Every structure is written in structure tokens, then in C-alpha cells.
Protein backbone atom coordinates (compact mmCIF):
# COMPACT_ATOMS: atom_id res chain seq x y z
CA MET A 1 21.91 -28.45 -6.78
CA SER A 2 19.33 -29.08 -9.50
CA ASP A 3 18.01 -26.44 -11.88
CA GLN A 4 14.57 -26.56 -10.28
CA LEU A 5 15.93 -26.02 -6.79
CA THR A 6 18.05 -23.17 -7.99
CA THR A 7 15.11 -21.54 -9.74
CA ARG A 8 12.86 -21.79 -6.78
CA LEU A 9 15.50 -20.29 -4.50
CA LEU A 10 16.04 -17.36 -6.95
CA VAL A 11 12.22 -16.76 -7.21
CA ALA A 12 11.99 -16.80 -3.42
CA ALA A 13 14.82 -14.34 -3.14
CA GLY A 14 13.17 -12.10 -5.70
CA PHE A 15 9.81 -12.17 -3.88
CA THR A 16 11.63 -11.51 -0.63
CA LEU A 17 13.51 -8.56 -2.08
CA VAL A 18 10.34 -6.92 -3.51
CA GLY A 19 8.43 -7.60 -0.26
CA ILE A 20 11.17 -6.02 1.90
CA CYS A 21 11.39 -3.01 -0.41
CA CYS A 22 7.61 -2.40 -0.29
CA LEU A 23 7.59 -2.69 3.52
CA ALA A 24 10.66 -0.39 3.77
CA TYR A 25 8.91 2.24 1.62
CA THR A 26 5.83 1.97 3.78
CA VAL A 27 7.89 2.52 6.96
CA TRP A 28 9.59 5.59 5.36
CA ALA A 29 6.38 7.07 4.05
CA ARG A 30 4.40 6.51 7.26
CA ARG A 31 7.11 8.15 9.33
CA GLY A 32 7.03 11.19 7.12
CA ARG A 33 10.18 12.81 8.57
CA SER A 34 11.09 14.56 5.41
CA GLU A 35 9.07 16.66 2.94
CA ARG A 36 9.60 14.09 0.27
CA ALA A 37 8.29 11.37 2.71
CA ARG A 38 5.09 13.33 3.12
CA ALA A 39 4.50 14.09 -0.45
CA TRP A 40 2.06 11.17 -0.91
CA MET A 41 -0.54 13.07 1.11
CA GLY A 42 -0.93 15.76 -1.48
CA SER A 43 -0.92 19.49 -1.07
CA GLU A 44 -3.25 22.48 -0.83
CA PHE A 45 -3.90 21.86 -4.66
CA GLY A 46 -5.67 18.67 -3.83
CA GLU A 47 -5.08 15.12 -2.75
CA ARG A 48 -3.14 12.43 -4.50
CA LEU A 49 -5.59 9.59 -3.97
CA ARG A 50 -3.65 6.85 -5.75
CA ASP A 51 -0.40 7.65 -3.99
CA GLU A 52 -2.23 7.99 -0.73
CA ARG A 53 -3.93 4.61 -0.89
CA TRP A 54 -0.79 2.94 -2.05
CA ALA A 55 1.34 4.29 0.79
CA VAL A 56 -1.32 3.53 3.42
CA LEU A 57 -2.56 0.13 2.49
CA GLY A 58 -1.43 -1.01 -1.00
CA ALA A 59 2.32 -1.23 -0.56
CA PRO A 60 2.23 -2.97 2.89
CA MET A 61 -0.25 -5.57 1.63
CA PHE A 62 1.73 -6.13 -1.63
CA GLY A 63 4.83 -6.48 0.49
CA VAL A 64 3.20 -9.12 2.73
CA MET A 65 1.82 -11.04 -0.25
CA CYS A 66 5.31 -11.20 -1.70
CA LEU A 67 6.82 -12.48 1.45
CA CYS A 68 3.98 -15.01 1.75
CA SER A 69 4.74 -16.10 -1.92
CA ALA A 70 8.43 -16.34 -1.24
CA ALA A 71 7.77 -18.71 1.75
CA PHE A 72 5.48 -20.80 -0.43
CA VAL A 73 8.01 -21.11 -3.26
CA LEU A 74 10.84 -22.33 -1.02
CA PRO A 75 11.89 -25.85 -1.73
CA VAL A 76 11.16 -28.65 0.80
CA VAL A 77 9.50 -26.61 3.47
CA GLY A 78 7.50 -24.31 1.16
CA ILE A 79 4.34 -26.32 1.18
CA TYR A 80 4.32 -26.34 4.99
CA LEU A 81 5.03 -22.64 5.12
CA GLY A 82 2.37 -22.17 2.48
CA LEU A 83 -0.25 -23.69 4.78
CA VAL A 84 0.65 -21.17 7.50
CA THR A 85 0.94 -18.19 5.24
CA LEU A 86 -2.11 -18.85 2.96
CA PRO A 87 -4.62 -17.20 5.37
CA LEU A 88 -2.29 -14.18 5.79
CA ALA A 89 -1.85 -13.92 2.01
CA ALA A 90 -5.64 -14.21 1.39
CA LEU A 91 -6.33 -11.36 4.04
CA SER A 92 -3.54 -9.22 2.48
CA PHE A 93 -5.02 -9.75 -0.96
CA VAL A 94 -8.48 -8.69 0.18
CA LEU A 95 -7.04 -5.50 1.87
CA PHE A 96 -4.91 -4.83 -1.25
CA LEU A 97 -8.12 -4.97 -3.44
CA TRP A 98 -9.74 -2.52 -0.96
CA ALA A 99 -6.78 -0.14 -1.34
CA MET A 100 -7.22 -0.25 -5.17
CA MET A 101 -11.00 0.53 -5.05
CA TYR A 102 -11.00 4.25 -4.92
CA PHE A 103 -14.83 4.58 -4.42
CA ILE A 104 -14.55 2.85 -0.99
CA PRO A 105 -13.10 5.38 1.56
CA LEU A 106 -10.31 4.23 3.94
CA PRO A 107 -10.91 5.04 7.60
CA ASP A 108 -8.56 7.42 9.40
CA LEU A 109 -7.34 4.50 11.44
CA PHE A 110 -5.08 3.49 8.59
CA TYR A 111 -3.42 6.87 8.30
CA PRO A 112 -0.51 7.94 10.54
CA ARG A 113 -1.29 10.73 13.04
CA TRP A 114 0.57 13.40 11.20
CA ALA A 115 -1.44 12.65 8.03
CA ARG A 116 -4.94 12.91 9.45
CA PRO A 117 -5.15 16.68 9.61
CA LEU A 118 -3.71 16.89 6.09
CA ARG A 119 -6.31 14.52 4.89
CA GLU A 120 -9.05 16.73 6.44
CA ARG A 121 -7.51 19.83 4.79
CA ASN A 122 -7.53 18.03 1.47
CA ARG A 123 -11.18 17.13 1.87
CA ARG A 124 -12.07 20.73 2.63
CA VAL A 125 -10.13 22.15 -0.30
CA GLU A 126 -11.66 19.57 -2.62
CA ALA A 127 -15.16 20.43 -1.42
CA ALA A 128 -14.50 24.14 -1.84
CA TRP A 129 -13.18 23.62 -5.35
CA LYS A 130 -16.37 21.55 -6.27
CA GLN A 131 -18.60 24.18 -4.71
CA GLU A 132 -16.84 26.92 -6.58
CA PHE A 133 -17.11 24.96 -9.86
CA ARG A 134 -20.75 24.30 -9.34
CA ARG A 135 -21.36 27.92 -8.52
CA ARG A 136 -19.61 29.14 -11.76
CA ARG A 137 -21.25 26.56 -13.85
CA GLY A 138 -24.66 27.55 -12.53
CA ARG A 139 -24.34 31.05 -14.11
């Protein structure tokens, strides 16, 4: 095998490994079967917005982009797979950017069922903290 072929195979393997790890994390976090798996939703002390958006939309889209990149880098068939995966990668990139823009809210549709009540609780707690802060500041 040539050096370029070996390099492309190793890069594709690396992209595949990162993509699979991101998707495995997403499945584990979305199932939320343990306390640690649910920690990304925050607690009564407030939400963890960055962790929340990463678990809900960022990690799966990053994983899909990595898998699309791995398909594109493959020798010989990579260019043909790239034609198929390019639209999927572009959509994943747009959704990934949406996940990183904290000022644009994510709809409840993206959250697992068990996380929706926790999200509402976090919103109420944050609103109460802000109201209390405004009340004390107004004195």
C-alpha cells in the first residue's frame, strides 16, 4: 500500500471512531437511565445550557459530520460517497451551528420525554432567581 492510501484509511478510521463515540454518548445521555446520564439537564440550581445543547443537538450532529467526512476521505470510493453524504453533512453542519447559538432556543421536540419536565422546572427556577434579583436590586 502507498503512504497516501494508508494515511487516508487512518484518517477515515479516526473520523469514524470520533463519530461513533459522539453518537454513543448521545444515545447514553438521551436514555438517561442513570443519575450521571441525566446530569446534562442541570439541577434545581439552574440549567447547564452548554451541556444541554451539546447532548441534545451538538454531539449527534458532530458525530454525523465525522462519519460523512470519513466516507469522503476513503480512497477510491470516497468521492462517490462524498456526493451522497455532502447534503447530509451540510444539514448536520447547519443544525450544529444552531446548537452552538445559545440565543436561539431549541424546541421541546429535540429533548427526550424525561427531560421536558426538568427543562420546564429549570426555566421556572431561573425566572424566579431573576425576579428575586430584580426585586432586591430595586431596593
